[in-house]
Amino acid sequence: MSLRAVPASVAIIAAVALLLPASTLHAQSPKTPSSAAPPPVPDSSSENAPDGSVLPIPPVPPRIVEGAEYDHCLDMLDSDPSGADALAATMAANGGGDAAEHCHALAQVALGNTDDGAMLLDKLATTSTAPSSFRAVVYGQADQAWTMAGRPDMAFASATNAIKLSPDDPDLLIGHAIAALALQRYNDAAADLTHALDLDPKRADALVLRATAWRNLQKLAQAKADIDSAFALDPDDPDALLERGIIRQRQGDLAGARKDWEQASELAPDTSTGDLAQQNLALLAAGPRQ
């Protein structure tokens, strides 16, 4: 299992990758956006997220206890999730407690059993006597597992519990915002992301996500300002290119939209971001309906 910072990239959960509705291609006024479709969700039958990644774990996973066996179990998640799950079972039989439950839950997610893994992570975060900072991270992991399972409602509940325990953690705020976007709770998402950006202004992912929220609230000037800021931080961000293309299309700049989606597709092939860019290009090529 890849060791990454929480939360997952925007592409993994596809919160920013809102397909360009076909109806907008023949709208009388390109400056009046129609309602975006709910973001696509990962297939829960797959072990991995759309871009081949799995549930992110912090670079230094929170340790419930100290111990070589627990460390080894977490280390196995990426290369041998079945072995990690078997080791977790052995740990549990020997009184491994929270450490065994944590590794077991993450192994279930890595094996593709995202619903079961998410439930186990929620349970552990609720019942553990570990410090609140650890429990918040585990709720954040549950949030992402529910997202991978295609359950944004449950993801939002887990993310809400996470930020109750750690209200000033930018990663957890962004995770909460992603779940809010998936539920089309755009004002909630914008509030979360504003808080995250107040804490860490250099989060390009938060800027892209907030641009998505502003766009869906029909605040295109604010959306464009956030996208411009995101590009200042990372000029080759495919998620930012995908979102800017949608904003440009809404503003009637079809040539600019096409250029952004072509570049997003080139930068992120075989990912949900690249796929959605290709779909938007196909819709654009189809032209207005007669």
C-alpha atoms as a PDB file:
ATOM      1  CA  MET A   1       0.000   0.000   0.000  1.00  0.00           C
ATOM      2  CA  SER A   2       1.437   3.300  -1.054  1.00  0.00           C
ATOM      3  CA  LEU A   3       2.515   5.585   1.749  1.00  0.00           C
ATOM      4  CA  ARG A   4       1.000   8.960   0.965  1.00  0.00           C
ATOM      5  CA  ALA A   5      -0.240  11.985   2.775  1.00  0.00           C
ATOM      6  CA  VAL A   6      -3.917  12.133   3.590  1.00  0.00           C
ATOM      7  CA  PRO A   7      -6.110  12.931   1.771  1.00  0.00           C
ATOM      8  CA  ALA A   8      -5.900  11.243  -1.593  1.00  0.00           C
ATOM      9  CA  SER A   9      -5.259  13.267  -4.671  1.00  0.00           C
ATOM     10  CA  VAL A  10      -8.171  14.963  -6.296  1.00  0.00           C
ATOM     11  CA  ALA A  11      -7.991  12.486  -9.141  1.00  0.00           C
ATOM     12  CA  ILE A  12      -8.359   9.474  -6.855  1.00  0.00           C
ATOM     13  CA  ILE A  13     -11.715  10.501  -5.511  1.00  0.00           C
ATOM     14  CA  ALA A  14     -12.749  12.328  -8.649  1.00  0.00           C
ATOM     15  CA  ALA A  15     -14.380  15.097  -6.688  1.00  0.00           C
ATOM     16  CA  VAL A  16     -13.102  17.798  -8.980  1.00  0.00           C
ATOM     17  CA  ALA A  17     -13.649  15.802 -12.142  1.00  0.00           C
ATOM     18  CA  LEU A  18     -17.216  16.879 -12.824  1.00  0.00           C
ATOM     19  CA  LEU A  19     -18.237  15.864 -16.300  1.00  0.00           C
ATOM     20  CA  LEU A  20     -19.251  18.685 -18.580  1.00  0.00           C
ATOM     21  CA  PRO A  21     -23.018  18.228 -18.954  1.00  0.00           C
ATOM     22  CA  ALA A  22     -23.990  17.821 -22.591  1.00  0.00           C
ATOM     23  CA  SER A  23     -26.756  20.373 -22.138  1.00  0.00           C
ATOM     24  CA  THR A  24     -24.230  23.134 -21.571  1.00  0.00           C
ATOM     25  CA  LEU A  25     -22.855  22.709 -25.077  1.00  0.00           C
ATOM     26  CA  HIS A  26     -25.999  24.170 -26.590  1.00  0.00           C
ATOM     27  CA  ALA A  27     -26.970  26.586 -23.846  1.00  0.00           C
ATOM     28  CA  GLN A  28     -28.169  29.944 -25.117  1.00  0.00           C
ATOM     29  CA  SER A  29     -25.897  31.747 -22.695  1.00  0.00           C
ATOM     30  CA  PRO A  30     -22.533  30.075 -22.006  1.00  0.00           C
ATOM     31  CA  LYS A  31     -22.143  32.240 -18.929  1.00  0.00           C
ATOM     32  CA  THR A  32     -25.042  30.525 -17.176  1.00  0.00           C
ATOM     33  CA  PRO A  33     -23.833  27.096 -16.058  1.00  0.00           C
ATOM     34  CA  SER A  34     -26.252  24.253 -15.705  1.00  0.00           C
ATOM     35  CA  SER A  35     -26.098  22.051 -12.650  1.00  0.00           C
ATOM     36  CA  ALA A  36     -23.117  19.752 -12.754  1.00  0.00           C
ATOM     37  CA  ALA A  37     -23.680  16.054 -12.473  1.00  0.00           C
ATOM     38  CA  PRO A  38     -22.588  14.368  -9.241  1.00  0.00           C
ATOM     39  CA  PRO A  39     -18.938  13.385  -9.418  1.00  0.00           C
ATOM     40  CA  PRO A  40     -18.205   9.830 -10.467  1.00  0.00           C
ATOM     41  CA  VAL A  41     -17.279   7.422  -7.720  1.00  0.00           C
ATOM     42  CA  PRO A  42     -14.746   4.621  -7.787  1.00  0.00           C
ATOM     43  CA  ASP A  43     -15.866   1.066  -8.476  1.00  0.00           C
ATOM     44  CA  SER A  44     -15.956  -0.667  -5.115  1.00  0.00           C
ATOM     45  CA  SER A  45     -15.269  -4.006  -6.778  1.00  0.00           C
ATOM     46  CA  SER A  46     -11.775  -2.861  -7.673  1.00  0.00           C
ATOM     47  CA  GLU A  47      -8.839  -3.112  -5.330  1.00  0.00           C
ATOM     48  CA  ASN A  48      -7.501   0.207  -6.461  1.00  0.00           C
ATOM     49  CA  ALA A  49      -8.826   3.683  -7.020  1.00  0.00           C
ATOM     50  CA  PRO A  50      -9.322   4.915 -10.604  1.00  0.00           C
ATOM     51  CA  ASP A  51      -5.710   5.883 -11.100  1.00  0.00           C
ATOM     52  CA  GLY A  52      -4.325   2.655  -9.693  1.00  0.00           C
ATOM     53  CA  SER A  53      -3.691   4.003  -6.198  1.00  0.00           C
ATOM     54  CA  VAL A  54      -4.963   2.564  -2.964  1.00  0.00           C
ATOM     55  CA  LEU A  55      -6.077   4.099   0.286  1.00  0.00           C
ATOM     56  CA  PRO A  56      -3.436   6.634   1.276  1.00  0.00           C
ATOM     57  CA  ILE A  57      -1.678   6.281   4.599  1.00  0.00           C
ATOM     58  CA  PRO A  58       0.301   9.079   6.198  1.00  0.00           C
ATOM     59  CA  PRO A  59       4.047   8.877   5.456  1.00  0.00           C
ATOM     60  CA  VAL A  60       4.529   7.894   9.085  1.00  0.00           C
ATOM     61  CA  PRO A  61       1.332   6.002   9.972  1.00  0.00           C
ATOM     62  CA  PRO A  62       0.047   6.762  13.468  1.00  0.00           C
ATOM     63  CA  ARG A  63       1.168   4.067  15.861  1.00  0.00           C
ATOM     64  CA  ILE A  64      -1.325   2.845  18.423  1.00  0.00           C
ATOM     65  CA  VAL A  65       1.435   0.974  20.155  1.00  0.00           C
ATOM     66  CA  GLU A  66       5.121   0.479  19.632  1.00  0.00           C
ATOM     67  CA  GLY A  67       6.165  -2.861  18.288  1.00  0.00           C
ATOM     68  CA  ALA A  68       8.085  -4.502  15.469  1.00  0.00           C
ATOM     69  CA  GLU A  69       5.212  -6.831  14.563  1.00  0.00           C
ATOM     70  CA  TYR A  70       2.778  -3.941  14.141  1.00  0.00           C
ATOM     71  CA  ASP A  71       5.320  -1.990  12.082  1.00  0.00           C
ATOM     72  CA  HIS A  72       5.888  -5.036   9.891  1.00  0.00           C
ATOM     73  CA  CYS A  73       2.136  -5.468   9.389  1.00  0.00           C
ATOM     74  CA  LEU A  74       1.772  -1.894   8.178  1.00  0.00           C
ATOM     75  CA  ASP A  75       4.830  -2.232   5.951  1.00  0.00           C
ATOM     76  CA  MET A  76       3.291  -5.275   4.244  1.00  0.00           C
ATOM     77  CA  LEU A  77       0.121  -3.478   3.191  1.00  0.00           C
ATOM     78  CA  ASP A  78       1.541  -2.268  -0.091  1.00  0.00           C
ATOM     79  CA  SER A  79       3.318  -5.399  -1.286  1.00  0.00           C
ATOM     80  CA  ASP A  80       1.357  -8.197   0.402  1.00  0.00           C
ATOM     81  CA  PRO A  81      -2.050  -7.149   1.762  1.00  0.00           C
ATOM     82  CA  SER A  82      -3.146 -10.788   2.183  1.00  0.00           C
ATOM     83  CA  GLY A  83      -0.069 -11.450   4.266  1.00  0.00           C
ATOM     84  CA  ALA A  84      -0.710  -8.303   6.277  1.00  0.00           C
ATOM     85  CA  ASP A  85      -4.264  -9.444   6.975  1.00  0.00           C
ATOM     86  CA  ALA A  86      -3.039 -12.854   8.080  1.00  0.00           C
ATOM     87  CA  LEU A  87      -0.479 -11.238  10.360  1.00  0.00           C
ATOM     88  CA  ALA A  88      -3.183  -8.956  11.776  1.00  0.00           C
ATOM     89  CA  ALA A  89      -5.263 -12.050  12.595  1.00  0.00           C
ATOM     90  CA  THR A  90      -2.301 -13.590  14.409  1.00  0.00           C
ATOM     91  CA  MET A  91      -1.763 -10.354  16.303  1.00  0.00           C
ATOM     92  CA  ALA A  92      -5.446 -10.276  17.283  1.00  0.00           C
ATOM     93  CA  ALA A  93      -5.292 -13.851  18.561  1.00  0.00           C
ATOM     94  CA  ASN A  94      -2.348 -12.850  20.738  1.00  0.00           C
ATOM     95  CA  GLY A  95      -4.088  -9.811  22.209  1.00  0.00           C
ATOM     96  CA  GLY A  96      -2.963  -7.305  19.578  1.00  0.00           C
ATOM     97  CA  GLY A  97      -5.879  -4.984  20.329  1.00  0.00           C
ATOM     98  CA  ASP A  98      -6.115  -1.718  18.402  1.00  0.00           C
ATOM     99  CA  ALA A  99      -2.892  -2.359  16.498  1.00  0.00           C
ATOM    100  CA  ALA A 100      -4.263  -5.599  15.056  1.00  0.00           C
ATOM    101  CA  GLU A 101      -7.602  -3.983  14.237  1.00  0.00           C
ATOM    102  CA  HIS A 102      -5.917  -1.084  12.460  1.00  0.00           C
ATOM    103  CA  CYS A 103      -3.770  -3.281  10.238  1.00  0.00           C
ATOM    104  CA  HIS A 104      -6.722  -5.602   9.558  1.00  0.00           C
ATOM    105  CA  ALA A 105      -8.943  -2.684   8.491  1.00  0.00           C
ATOM    106  CA  LEU A 106      -6.308  -1.256   6.148  1.00  0.00           C
ATOM    107  CA  ALA A 107      -5.610  -4.706   4.708  1.00  0.00           C
ATOM    108  CA  GLN A 108      -9.302  -5.115   3.891  1.00  0.00           C
ATOM    109  CA  VAL A 109      -9.238  -1.859   1.945  1.00  0.00           C
ATOM    110  CA  ALA A 110      -6.073  -2.890   0.125  1.00  0.00           C
ATOM    111  CA  LEU A 111      -7.717  -6.205  -0.786  1.00  0.00           C
ATOM    112  CA  GLY A 112     -10.667  -4.381  -2.335  1.00  0.00           C
ATOM    113  CA  ASN A 113     -13.124  -4.918   0.518  1.00  0.00           C
ATOM    114  CA  THR A 114     -13.576  -1.184   0.903  1.00  0.00           C
ATOM    115  CA  ASP A 115     -16.958  -1.251   2.656  1.00  0.00           C
ATOM    116  CA  ASP A 116     -15.711  -3.687   5.289  1.00  0.00           C
ATOM    117  CA  GLY A 117     -12.468  -1.783   5.718  1.00  0.00           C
ATOM    118  CA  ALA A 118     -14.270   1.527   6.083  1.00  0.00           C
ATOM    119  CA  MET A 119     -16.605   0.119   8.727  1.00  0.00           C
ATOM    120  CA  LEU A 120     -13.677  -1.312  10.641  1.00  0.00           C
ATOM    121  CA  LEU A 121     -11.817   2.002  10.519  1.00  0.00           C
ATOM    122  CA  ASP A 122     -14.884   3.879  11.760  1.00  0.00           C
ATOM    123  CA  LYS A 123     -15.305   1.389  14.585  1.00  0.00           C
ATOM    124  CA  LEU A 124     -11.659   1.635  15.592  1.00  0.00           C
ATOM    125  CA  ALA A 125     -11.705   5.436  15.547  1.00  0.00           C
ATOM    126  CA  THR A 126     -14.836   5.410  17.721  1.00  0.00           C
ATOM    127  CA  THR A 127     -13.774   2.827  20.305  1.00  0.00           C
ATOM    128  CA  SER A 128     -10.023   3.353  20.562  1.00  0.00           C
ATOM    129  CA  THR A 129      -8.573   4.931  23.676  1.00  0.00           C
ATOM    130  CA  ALA A 130      -5.686   6.324  21.635  1.00  0.00           C
ATOM    131  CA  PRO A 131      -5.128  10.106  21.526  1.00  0.00           C
ATOM    132  CA  SER A 132      -7.640  12.167  19.581  1.00  0.00           C
ATOM    133  CA  SER A 133      -5.064  13.033  16.915  1.00  0.00           C
ATOM    134  CA  PHE A 134      -4.693   9.343  16.055  1.00  0.00           C
ATOM    135  CA  ARG A 135      -8.444   8.775  16.051  1.00  0.00           C
ATOM    136  CA  ALA A 136      -8.921  11.767  13.745  1.00  0.00           C
ATOM    137  CA  VAL A 137      -6.491  10.303  11.202  1.00  0.00           C
ATOM    138  CA  VAL A 138      -8.269   6.938  11.326  1.00  0.00           C
ATOM    139  CA  TYR A 139     -11.614   8.665  10.726  1.00  0.00           C
ATOM    140  CA  GLY A 140      -9.908  10.363   7.786  1.00  0.00           C
ATOM    141  CA  GLN A 141      -8.847   6.972   6.458  1.00  0.00           C
ATOM    142  CA  ALA A 142     -12.442   5.760   6.853  1.00  0.00           C
ATOM    143  CA  ASP A 143     -13.595   8.820   4.900  1.00  0.00           C
ATOM    144  CA  GLN A 144     -11.375   7.855   1.984  1.00  0.00           C
ATOM    145  CA  ALA A 145     -12.322   4.180   2.144  1.00  0.00           C
ATOM    146  CA  TRP A 146     -16.014   5.096   1.978  1.00  0.00           C
ATOM    147  CA  THR A 147     -15.250   7.339  -0.988  1.00  0.00           C
ATOM    148  CA  MET A 148     -13.511   4.458  -2.738  1.00  0.00           C
ATOM    149  CA  ALA A 149     -16.587   2.330  -1.990  1.00  0.00           C
ATOM    150  CA  GLY A 150     -18.853   4.891  -3.646  1.00  0.00           C
ATOM    151  CA  ARG A 151     -20.526   5.972  -0.394  1.00  0.00           C
ATOM    152  CA  PRO A 152     -20.141   9.756  -0.154  1.00  0.00           C
ATOM    153  CA  ASP A 153     -22.790   9.921   2.576  1.00  0.00           C
ATOM    154  CA  MET A 154     -20.740   7.678   4.843  1.00  0.00           C
ATOM    155  CA  ALA A 155     -17.543   9.449   3.798  1.00  0.00           C
ATOM    156  CA  PHE A 156     -19.038  12.760   4.886  1.00  0.00           C
ATOM    157  CA  ALA A 157     -20.016  11.305   8.291  1.00  0.00           C
ATOM    158  CA  SER A 158     -16.515   9.923   8.882  1.00  0.00           C
ATOM    159  CA  ALA A 159     -14.899  13.172   7.753  1.00  0.00           C
ATOM    160  CA  THR A 160     -17.197  15.137  10.066  1.00  0.00           C
ATOM    161  CA  ASN A 161     -16.033  13.019  13.000  1.00  0.00           C
ATOM    162  CA  ALA A 162     -12.430  13.579  11.955  1.00  0.00           C
ATOM    163  CA  ILE A 163     -12.628  17.372  11.983  1.00  0.00           C
ATOM    164  CA  LYS A 164     -14.527  17.367  15.273  1.00  0.00           C
ATOM    165  CA  LEU A 165     -11.425  15.797  16.792  1.00  0.00           C
ATOM    166  CA  SER A 166      -8.914  17.850  14.810  1.00  0.00           C
ATOM    167  CA  PRO A 167     -10.627  20.985  13.454  1.00  0.00           C
ATOM    168  CA  ASP A 168      -7.454  22.692  12.250  1.00  0.00           C
ATOM    169  CA  ASP A 169      -5.935  19.885  10.208  1.00  0.00           C
ATOM    170  CA  PRO A 170      -5.857  20.994   6.522  1.00  0.00           C
ATOM    171  CA  ASP A 171      -5.775  17.435   5.224  1.00  0.00           C
ATOM    172  CA  LEU A 172      -8.877  16.449   7.176  1.00  0.00           C
ATOM    173  CA  LEU A 173     -10.666  19.645   6.174  1.00  0.00           C
ATOM    174  CA  ILE A 174      -9.920  18.907   2.525  1.00  0.00           C
ATOM    175  CA  GLY A 175     -11.197  15.356   2.964  1.00  0.00           C
ATOM    176  CA  HIS A 176     -14.406  16.733   4.453  1.00  0.00           C
ATOM    177  CA  ALA A 177     -14.737  19.156   1.549  1.00  0.00           C
ATOM    178  CA  ILE A 178     -14.314  16.374  -1.001  1.00  0.00           C
ATOM    179  CA  ALA A 179     -17.154  14.426   0.596  1.00  0.00           C
ATOM    180  CA  ALA A 180     -19.262  17.588   0.647  1.00  0.00           C
ATOM    181  CA  LEU A 181     -18.619  18.142  -3.074  1.00  0.00           C
ATOM    182  CA  ALA A 182     -19.693  14.588  -3.832  1.00  0.00           C
ATOM    183  CA  LEU A 183     -22.988  15.329  -2.033  1.00  0.00           C
ATOM    184  CA  GLN A 184     -23.330  18.657  -3.878  1.00  0.00           C
ATOM    185  CA  ARG A 185     -23.016  20.528  -0.573  1.00  0.00           C
ATOM    186  CA  TYR A 186     -21.041  23.276  -2.247  1.00  0.00           C
ATOM    187  CA  ASN A 187     -21.307  25.939   0.459  1.00  0.00           C
ATOM    188  CA  ASP A 188     -20.033  23.473   3.064  1.00  0.00           C
ATOM    189  CA  ALA A 189     -17.155  22.521   0.781  1.00  0.00           C
ATOM    190  CA  ALA A 190     -16.198  26.149   0.175  1.00  0.00           C
ATOM    191  CA  ALA A 191     -16.191  26.836   3.925  1.00  0.00           C
ATOM    192  CA  ASP A 192     -13.962  23.825   4.634  1.00  0.00           C
ATOM    193  CA  LEU A 193     -11.535  24.769   1.894  1.00  0.00           C
ATOM    194  CA  THR A 194     -11.373  28.403   2.958  1.00  0.00           C
ATOM    195  CA  HIS A 195     -10.431  27.236   6.455  1.00  0.00           C
ATOM    196  CA  ALA A 196      -7.818  24.841   5.027  1.00  0.00           C
ATOM    197  CA  LEU A 197      -6.321  27.592   2.879  1.00  0.00           C
ATOM    198  CA  ASP A 198      -6.214  29.978   5.833  1.00  0.00           C
ATOM    199  CA  LEU A 199      -4.077  27.338   7.568  1.00  0.00           C
ATOM    200  CA  ASP A 200      -1.981  26.454   4.501  1.00  0.00           C
ATOM    201  CA  PRO A 201      -2.273  28.923   1.588  1.00  0.00           C
ATOM    202  CA  LYS A 202      -0.011  26.851  -0.665  1.00  0.00           C
ATOM    203  CA  ARG A 203      -2.397  23.925  -1.059  1.00  0.00           C
ATOM    204  CA  ALA A 204      -3.032  23.847  -4.801  1.00  0.00           C
ATOM    205  CA  ASP A 205      -5.428  20.926  -4.372  1.00  0.00           C
ATOM    206  CA  ALA A 206      -7.584  22.984  -2.024  1.00  0.00           C
ATOM    207  CA  LEU A 207      -7.632  25.856  -4.498  1.00  0.00           C
ATOM    208  CA  VAL A 208      -8.762  23.573  -7.327  1.00  0.00           C
ATOM    209  CA  LEU A 209     -11.470  22.038  -5.176  1.00  0.00           C
ATOM    210  CA  ARG A 210     -12.698  25.427  -4.017  1.00  0.00           C
ATOM    211  CA  ALA A 211     -12.842  26.549  -7.643  1.00  0.00           C
ATOM    212  CA  THR A 212     -15.133  23.578  -8.277  1.00  0.00           C
ATOM    213  CA  ALA A 213     -17.350  24.647  -5.384  1.00  0.00           C
ATOM    214  CA  TRP A 214     -17.474  28.265  -6.588  1.00  0.00           C
ATOM    215  CA  ARG A 215     -18.308  27.149 -10.111  1.00  0.00           C
ATOM    216  CA  ASN A 216     -21.203  25.056  -8.916  1.00  0.00           C
ATOM    217  CA  LEU A 217     -22.397  28.054  -6.906  1.00  0.00           C
ATOM    218  CA  GLN A 218     -22.264  30.053 -10.167  1.00  0.00           C
ATOM    219  CA  LYS A 219     -19.469  32.259  -8.839  1.00  0.00           C
ATOM    220  CA  LEU A 220     -17.226  32.006 -11.874  1.00  0.00           C
ATOM    221  CA  ALA A 221     -15.057  35.022 -11.044  1.00  0.00           C
ATOM    222  CA  GLN A 222     -14.105  33.465  -7.712  1.00  0.00           C
ATOM    223  CA  ALA A 223     -13.593  30.080  -9.362  1.00  0.00           C
ATOM    224  CA  LYS A 224     -11.240  31.594 -11.928  1.00  0.00           C
ATOM    225  CA  ALA A 225      -9.287  33.443  -9.230  1.00  0.00           C
ATOM    226  CA  ASP A 226      -8.708  30.191  -7.345  1.00  0.00           C
ATOM    227  CA  ILE A 227      -7.661  28.349 -10.492  1.00  0.00           C
ATOM    228  CA  ASP A 228      -5.214  31.124 -11.358  1.00  0.00           C
ATOM    229  CA  SER A 229      -3.723  30.821  -7.866  1.00  0.00           C
ATOM    230  CA  ALA A 230      -3.485  27.044  -8.231  1.00  0.00           C
ATOM    231  CA  PHE A 231      -1.594  27.396 -11.519  1.00  0.00           C
ATOM    232  CA  ALA A 232       0.817  29.828  -9.885  1.00  0.00           C
ATOM    233  CA  LEU A 233       1.694  27.013  -7.473  1.00  0.00           C
ATOM    234  CA  ASP A 234       1.643  24.148  -9.989  1.00  0.00           C
ATOM    235  CA  PRO A 235       1.368  25.020 -13.706  1.00  0.00           C
ATOM    236  CA  ASP A 236       1.168  21.349 -14.736  1.00  0.00           C
ATOM    237  CA  ASP A 237      -1.648  20.199 -12.449  1.00  0.00           C
ATOM    238  CA  PRO A 238      -4.016  18.077 -14.602  1.00  0.00           C
ATOM    239  CA  ASP A 239      -6.893  18.526 -12.147  1.00  0.00           C
ATOM    240  CA  ALA A 240      -6.515  22.293 -12.391  1.00  0.00           C
ATOM    241  CA  LEU A 241      -6.468  22.026 -16.180  1.00  0.00           C
ATOM    242  CA  LEU A 242      -9.639  19.937 -16.148  1.00  0.00           C
ATOM    243  CA  GLU A 243     -11.419  22.419 -13.925  1.00  0.00           C
ATOM    244  CA  ARG A 244     -10.155  25.479 -15.820  1.00  0.00           C
ATOM    245  CA  GLY A 245     -11.437  23.932 -19.032  1.00  0.00           C
ATOM    246  CA  ILE A 246     -14.904  23.640 -17.519  1.00  0.00           C
ATOM    247  CA  ILE A 247     -14.770  27.245 -16.312  1.00  0.00           C
ATOM    248  CA  ARG A 248     -13.593  28.427 -19.737  1.00  0.00           C
ATOM    249  CA  GLN A 249     -16.389  26.523 -21.431  1.00  0.00           C
ATOM    250  CA  ARG A 250     -18.908  28.139 -19.081  1.00  0.00           C
ATOM    251  CA  GLN A 251     -17.514  31.521 -20.085  1.00  0.00           C
ATOM    252  CA  GLY A 252     -17.775  30.726 -23.788  1.00  0.00           C
ATOM    253  CA  ASP A 253     -14.059  30.163 -24.430  1.00  0.00           C
ATOM    254  CA  LEU A 254     -14.356  26.833 -26.235  1.00  0.00           C
ATOM    255  CA  ALA A 255     -10.876  26.995 -27.750  1.00  0.00           C
ATOM    256  CA  GLY A 256      -9.354  27.549 -24.320  1.00  0.00           C
ATOM    257  CA  ALA A 257     -11.406  24.723 -22.857  1.00  0.00           C
ATOM    258  CA  ARG A 258     -10.268  22.366 -25.597  1.00  0.00           C
ATOM    259  CA  LYS A 259      -6.615  23.276 -25.023  1.00  0.00           C
ATOM    260  CA  ASP A 260      -6.893  22.673 -21.263  1.00  0.00           C
ATOM    261  CA  TRP A 261      -8.596  19.302 -21.657  1.00  0.00           C
ATOM    262  CA  GLU A 262      -6.094  18.162 -24.256  1.00  0.00           C
ATOM    263  CA  GLN A 263      -3.237  19.053 -21.918  1.00  0.00           C
ATOM    264  CA  ALA A 264      -4.939  17.394 -18.933  1.00  0.00           C
ATOM    265  CA  SER A 265      -5.382  14.225 -20.985  1.00  0.00           C
ATOM    266  CA  GLU A 266      -1.713  14.247 -22.004  1.00  0.00           C
ATOM    267  CA  LEU A 267      -0.467  14.855 -18.463  1.00  0.00           C
ATOM    268  CA  ALA A 268      -2.720  12.278 -16.796  1.00  0.00           C
ATOM    269  CA  PRO A 269      -3.313   9.345 -19.163  1.00  0.00           C
ATOM    270  CA  ASP A 270      -5.116   6.318 -17.768  1.00  0.00           C
ATOM    271  CA  THR A 271      -6.530   8.239 -14.820  1.00  0.00           C
ATOM    272  CA  SER A 272     -10.020   9.454 -13.990  1.00  0.00           C
ATOM    273  CA  THR A 273      -8.868  13.013 -14.687  1.00  0.00           C
ATOM    274  CA  GLY A 274      -7.560  12.095 -18.132  1.00  0.00           C
ATOM    275  CA  ASP A 275     -10.661  10.045 -18.912  1.00  0.00           C
ATOM    276  CA  LEU A 276     -12.976  12.901 -17.994  1.00  0.00           C
ATOM    277  CA  ALA A 277     -10.930  15.329 -20.055  1.00  0.00           C
ATOM    278  CA  GLN A 278     -11.311  12.988 -23.022  1.00  0.00           C
ATOM    279  CA  GLN A 279     -15.064  12.729 -22.454  1.00  0.00           C
ATOM    280  CA  ASN A 280     -15.390  16.489 -22.313  1.00  0.00           C
ATOM    281  CA  LEU A 281     -13.399  16.793 -25.538  1.00  0.00           C
ATOM    282  CA  ALA A 282     -15.754  14.312 -27.182  1.00  0.00           C
ATOM    283  CA  LEU A 283     -18.772  16.328 -26.065  1.00  0.00           C
ATOM    284  CA  LEU A 284     -17.160  19.496 -27.354  1.00  0.00           C
ATOM    285  CA  ALA A 285     -16.399  17.879 -30.714  1.00  0.00           C
ATOM    286  CA  ALA A 286     -20.009  16.717 -31.008  1.00  0.00           C
ATOM    287  CA  GLY A 287     -21.086  20.358 -31.026  1.00  0.00           C
ATOM    288  CA  PRO A 288     -24.500  21.812 -30.224  1.00  0.00           C
ATOM    289  CA  ARG A 289     -27.446  19.532 -30.537  1.00  0.00           C
ATOM    290  CA  GLN A 290     -29.660  20.298 -33.484  1.00  0.00           C
END
